Amino acid sequence: MKKEGKKIMNNFFLIYSILFSNIKLLVEVVVEAARHTGFVLSSGK
């Protein structure tokens, strides 16, 4: 029973770290896109 709980915790940690790195990547992409669109808008004026 104890071993099973540890396995679940390891899986949870793995999923959490994958989600966290994906969120970090997504934020970077959004920031880059916002920077590019902002640059395009300011250069278009």
PDB file of N, CA and C in Angstrom:
ATOM      1  N   MET A   1       0.839  -1.199   0.000  1.00  0.00           N
ATOM      2  CA  MET A   1       0.000   0.000   0.000  1.00  0.00           C
ATOM      3  C   MET A   1       0.877   1.254   0.000  1.00  0.00           C
ATOM      4  N   LYS A   2       1.910   1.237   0.830  1.00  0.00           N
ATOM      5  CA  LYS A   2       2.804   2.397   0.923  1.00  0.00           C
ATOM      6  C   LYS A   2       3.538   2.613  -0.412  1.00  0.00           C
ATOM      7  N   LYS A   3       3.945   1.498  -1.029  1.00  0.00           N
ATOM      8  CA  LYS A   3       4.666   1.574  -2.302  1.00  0.00           C
ATOM      9  C   LYS A   3       3.773   2.203  -3.378  1.00  0.00           C
ATOM     10  N   GLU A   4       2.513   1.815  -3.380  1.00  0.00           N
ATOM     11  CA  GLU A   4       1.560   2.328  -4.369  1.00  0.00           C
ATOM     12  C   GLU A   4       1.384   3.843  -4.224  1.00  0.00           C
ATOM     13  N   GLY A   5       1.295   4.289  -2.972  1.00  0.00           N
ATOM     14  CA  GLY A   5       1.152   5.720  -2.723  1.00  0.00           C
ATOM     15  C   GLY A   5       2.351   6.503  -3.234  1.00  0.00           C
ATOM     16  N   LYS A   6       3.538   5.933  -3.067  1.00  0.00           N
ATOM     17  CA  LYS A   6       4.759   6.603  -3.536  1.00  0.00           C
ATOM     18  C   LYS A   6       4.746   6.696  -5.068  1.00  0.00           C
ATOM     19  N   LYS A   7       4.261   5.630  -5.717  1.00  0.00           N
ATOM     20  CA  LYS A   7       4.179   5.603  -7.178  1.00  0.00           C
ATOM     21  C   LYS A   7       3.246   6.713  -7.668  1.00  0.00           C
ATOM     22  N   ILE A   8       2.109   6.849  -6.996  1.00  0.00           N
ATOM     23  CA  ILE A   8       1.138   7.887  -7.367  1.00  0.00           C
ATOM     24  C   ILE A   8       1.764   9.275  -7.179  1.00  0.00           C
ATOM     25  N   MET A   9       2.472   9.469  -6.079  1.00  0.00           N
ATOM     26  CA  MET A   9       3.120  10.755  -5.827  1.00  0.00           C
ATOM     27  C   MET A   9       4.153  11.073  -6.902  1.00  0.00           C
ATOM     28  N   ASN A  10       4.915  10.052  -7.315  1.00  0.00           N
ATOM     29  CA  ASN A  10       5.923  10.253  -8.358  1.00  0.00           C
ATOM     30  C   ASN A  10       5.259  10.643  -9.673  1.00  0.00           C
ATOM     31  N   ASN A  11       4.159   9.960 -10.011  1.00  0.00           N
ATOM     32  CA  ASN A  11       3.424  10.278 -11.237  1.00  0.00           C
ATOM     33  C   ASN A  11       2.875  11.700 -11.174  1.00  0.00           C
ATOM     34  N   PHE A  12       2.324  12.065 -10.010  1.00  0.00           N
ATOM     35  CA  PHE A  12       1.772  13.410  -9.819  1.00  0.00           C
ATOM     36  C   PHE A  12       2.866  14.461 -10.003  1.00  0.00           C
ATOM     37  N   PHE A  13       4.026  14.205  -9.429  1.00  0.00           N
ATOM     38  CA  PHE A  13       5.141  15.146  -9.534  1.00  0.00           C
ATOM     39  C   PHE A  13       5.584  15.283 -10.988  1.00  0.00           C
ATOM     40  N   LEU A  14       5.620  14.160 -11.696  1.00  0.00           N
ATOM     41  CA  LEU A  14       6.027  14.151 -13.105  1.00  0.00           C
ATOM     42  C   LEU A  14       5.048  14.977 -13.933  1.00  0.00           C
ATOM     43  N   ILE A  15       3.756  14.737 -13.729  1.00  0.00           N
ATOM     44  CA  ILE A  15       2.726  15.477 -14.467  1.00  0.00           C
ATOM     45  C   ILE A  15       2.832  16.968 -14.144  1.00  0.00           C
ATOM     46  N   TYR A  16       3.024  17.275 -12.850  1.00  0.00           N
ATOM     47  CA  TYR A  16       3.115  18.670 -12.418  1.00  0.00           C
ATOM     48  C   TYR A  16       4.297  19.371 -13.079  1.00  0.00           C
ATOM     49  N   SER A  17       5.456  18.692 -13.113  1.00  0.00           N
ATOM     50  CA  SER A  17       6.643  19.317 -13.702  1.00  0.00           C
ATOM     51  C   SER A  17       6.474  19.513 -15.212  1.00  0.00           C
ATOM     52  N   ILE A  18       5.799  18.551 -15.870  1.00  0.00           N
ATOM     53  CA  ILE A  18       5.545  18.684 -17.313  1.00  0.00           C
ATOM     54  C   ILE A  18       4.610  19.865 -17.551  1.00  0.00           C
ATOM     55  N   LEU A  19       3.545  19.945 -16.760  1.00  0.00           N
ATOM     56  CA  LEU A  19       2.596  21.053 -16.899  1.00  0.00           C
ATOM     57  C   LEU A  19       3.286  22.381 -16.641  1.00  0.00           C
ATOM     58  N   PHE A  20       4.118  22.422 -15.601  1.00  0.00           N
ATOM     59  CA  PHE A  20       4.800  23.663 -15.235  1.00  0.00           C
ATOM     60  C   PHE A  20       5.700  24.137 -16.366  1.00  0.00           C
ATOM     61  N   SER A  21       6.479  23.221 -16.958  1.00  0.00           N
ATOM     62  CA  SER A  21       7.381  23.622 -18.038  1.00  0.00           C
ATOM     63  C   SER A  21       6.589  24.032 -19.275  1.00  0.00           C
ATOM     64  N   ASN A  22       5.429  23.383 -19.517  1.00  0.00           N
ATOM     65  CA  ASN A  22       4.590  23.768 -20.650  1.00  0.00           C
ATOM     66  C   ASN A  22       4.012  25.158 -20.443  1.00  0.00           C
ATOM     67  N   ILE A  23       3.581  25.451 -19.204  1.00  0.00           N
ATOM     68  CA  ILE A  23       3.031  26.774 -18.897  1.00  0.00           C
ATOM     69  C   ILE A  23       4.115  27.834 -19.089  1.00  0.00           C
ATOM     70  N   LYS A  24       5.334  27.523 -18.628  1.00  0.00           N
ATOM     71  CA  LYS A  24       6.451  28.456 -18.797  1.00  0.00           C
ATOM     72  C   LYS A  24       6.686  28.726 -20.283  1.00  0.00           C
ATOM     73  N   LEU A  25       6.662  27.665 -21.075  1.00  0.00           N
ATOM     74  CA  LEU A  25       6.874  27.782 -22.519  1.00  0.00           C
ATOM     75  C   LEU A  25       5.752  28.609 -23.145  1.00  0.00           C
ATOM     76  N   LEU A  26       4.520  28.336 -22.728  1.00  0.00           N
ATOM     77  CA  LEU A  26       3.360  29.047 -23.258  1.00  0.00           C
ATOM     78  C   LEU A  26       3.453  30.540 -22.948  1.00  0.00           C
ATOM     79  N   VAL A  27       3.851  30.867 -21.721  1.00  0.00           N
ATOM     80  CA  VAL A  27       3.998  32.271 -21.321  1.00  0.00           C
ATOM     81  C   VAL A  27       5.055  32.949 -22.184  1.00  0.00           C
ATOM     82  N   GLU A  28       6.172  32.255 -22.407  1.00  0.00           N
ATOM     83  CA  GLU A  28       7.237  32.831 -23.246  1.00  0.00           C
ATOM     84  C   GLU A  28       6.735  33.088 -24.658  1.00  0.00           C
ATOM     85  N   VAL A  29       5.984  32.127 -25.203  1.00  0.00           N
ATOM     86  CA  VAL A  29       5.439  32.273 -26.558  1.00  0.00           C
ATOM     87  C   VAL A  29       4.480  33.459 -26.623  1.00  0.00           C
ATOM     88  N   VAL A  30       3.603  33.564 -25.617  1.00  0.00           N
ATOM     89  CA  VAL A  30       2.636  34.669 -25.588  1.00  0.00           C
ATOM     90  C   VAL A  30       3.353  36.011 -25.483  1.00  0.00           C
ATOM     91  N   VAL A  31       4.367  36.077 -24.640  1.00  0.00           N
ATOM     92  CA  VAL A  31       5.135  37.322 -24.471  1.00  0.00           C
ATOM     93  C   VAL A  31       5.827  37.687 -25.783  1.00  0.00           C
ATOM     94  N   GLU A  32       6.414  36.691 -26.437  1.00  0.00           N
ATOM     95  CA  GLU A  32       7.077  36.940 -27.725  1.00  0.00           C
ATOM     96  C   GLU A  32       6.070  37.439 -28.755  1.00  0.00           C
ATOM     97  N   ALA A  33       4.918  36.779 -28.823  1.00  0.00           N
ATOM     98  CA  ALA A  33       3.874  37.164 -29.785  1.00  0.00           C
ATOM     99  C   ALA A  33       3.391  38.582 -29.498  1.00  0.00           C
ATOM    100  N   ALA A  34       3.173  38.891 -28.223  1.00  0.00           N
ATOM    101  CA  ALA A  34       2.721  40.234 -27.839  1.00  0.00           C
ATOM    102  C   ALA A  34       3.776  41.273 -28.214  1.00  0.00           C
ATOM    103  N   ARG A  35       5.031  40.934 -27.998  1.00  0.00           N
ATOM    104  CA  ARG A  35       6.126  41.854 -28.326  1.00  0.00           C
ATOM    105  C   ARG A  35       6.161  42.097 -29.841  1.00  0.00           C
ATOM    106  N   HIS A  36       5.993  41.013 -30.610  1.00  0.00           N
ATOM    107  CA  HIS A  36       6.025  41.136 -32.069  1.00  0.00           C
ATOM    108  C   HIS A  36       4.836  41.941 -32.574  1.00  0.00           C
ATOM    109  N   THR A  37       3.630  41.646 -32.063  1.00  0.00           N
ATOM    110  CA  THR A  37       2.450  42.385 -32.520  1.00  0.00           C
ATOM    111  C   THR A  37       2.550  43.847 -32.097  1.00  0.00           C
ATOM    112  N   GLY A  38       3.074  44.086 -30.900  1.00  0.00           N
ATOM    113  CA  GLY A  38       3.266  45.462 -30.440  1.00  0.00           C
ATOM    114  C   GLY A  38       4.250  46.198 -31.335  1.00  0.00           C
ATOM    115  N   PHE A  39       5.302  45.500 -31.735  1.00  0.00           N
ATOM    116  CA  PHE A  39       6.309  46.087 -32.619  1.00  0.00           C
ATOM    117  C   PHE A  39       5.699  46.403 -33.986  1.00  0.00           C
ATOM    118  N   VAL A  40       4.904  45.467 -34.486  1.00  0.00           N
ATOM    119  CA  VAL A  40       4.256  45.655 -35.793  1.00  0.00           C
ATOM    120  C   VAL A  40       3.285  46.829 -35.730  1.00  0.00           C
ATOM    121  N   LEU A  41       2.507  46.910 -34.655  1.00  0.00           N
ATOM    122  CA  LEU A  41       1.536  47.995 -34.508  1.00  0.00           C
ATOM    123  C   LEU A  41       2.231  49.350 -34.415  1.00  0.00           C
ATOM    124  N   SER A  42       3.320  49.408 -33.642  1.00  0.00           N
ATOM    125  CA  SER A  42       4.014  50.685 -33.469  1.00  0.00           C
ATOM    126  C   SER A  42       4.739  51.098 -34.752  1.00  0.00           C
ATOM    127  N   SER A  43       5.248  50.133 -35.513  1.00  0.00           N
ATOM    128  CA  SER A  43       5.939  50.470 -36.761  1.00  0.00           C
ATOM    129  C   SER A  43       4.931  50.775 -37.871  1.00  0.00           C
ATOM    130  N   GLY A  44       3.686  50.279 -37.721  1.00  0.00           N
ATOM    131  CA  GLY A  44       2.651  50.537 -38.721  1.00  0.00           C
ATOM    132  C   GLY A  44       2.111  51.955 -38.607  1.00  0.00           C
ATOM    133  N   LYS A  45       2.191  52.539 -37.410  1.00  0.00           N
ATOM    134  CA  LYS A  45       1.663  53.896 -37.198  1.00  0.00           C
ATOM    135  C   LYS A  45       2.569  54.960 -37.806  1.00  0.00           C
TER     136      LYS A  45
END
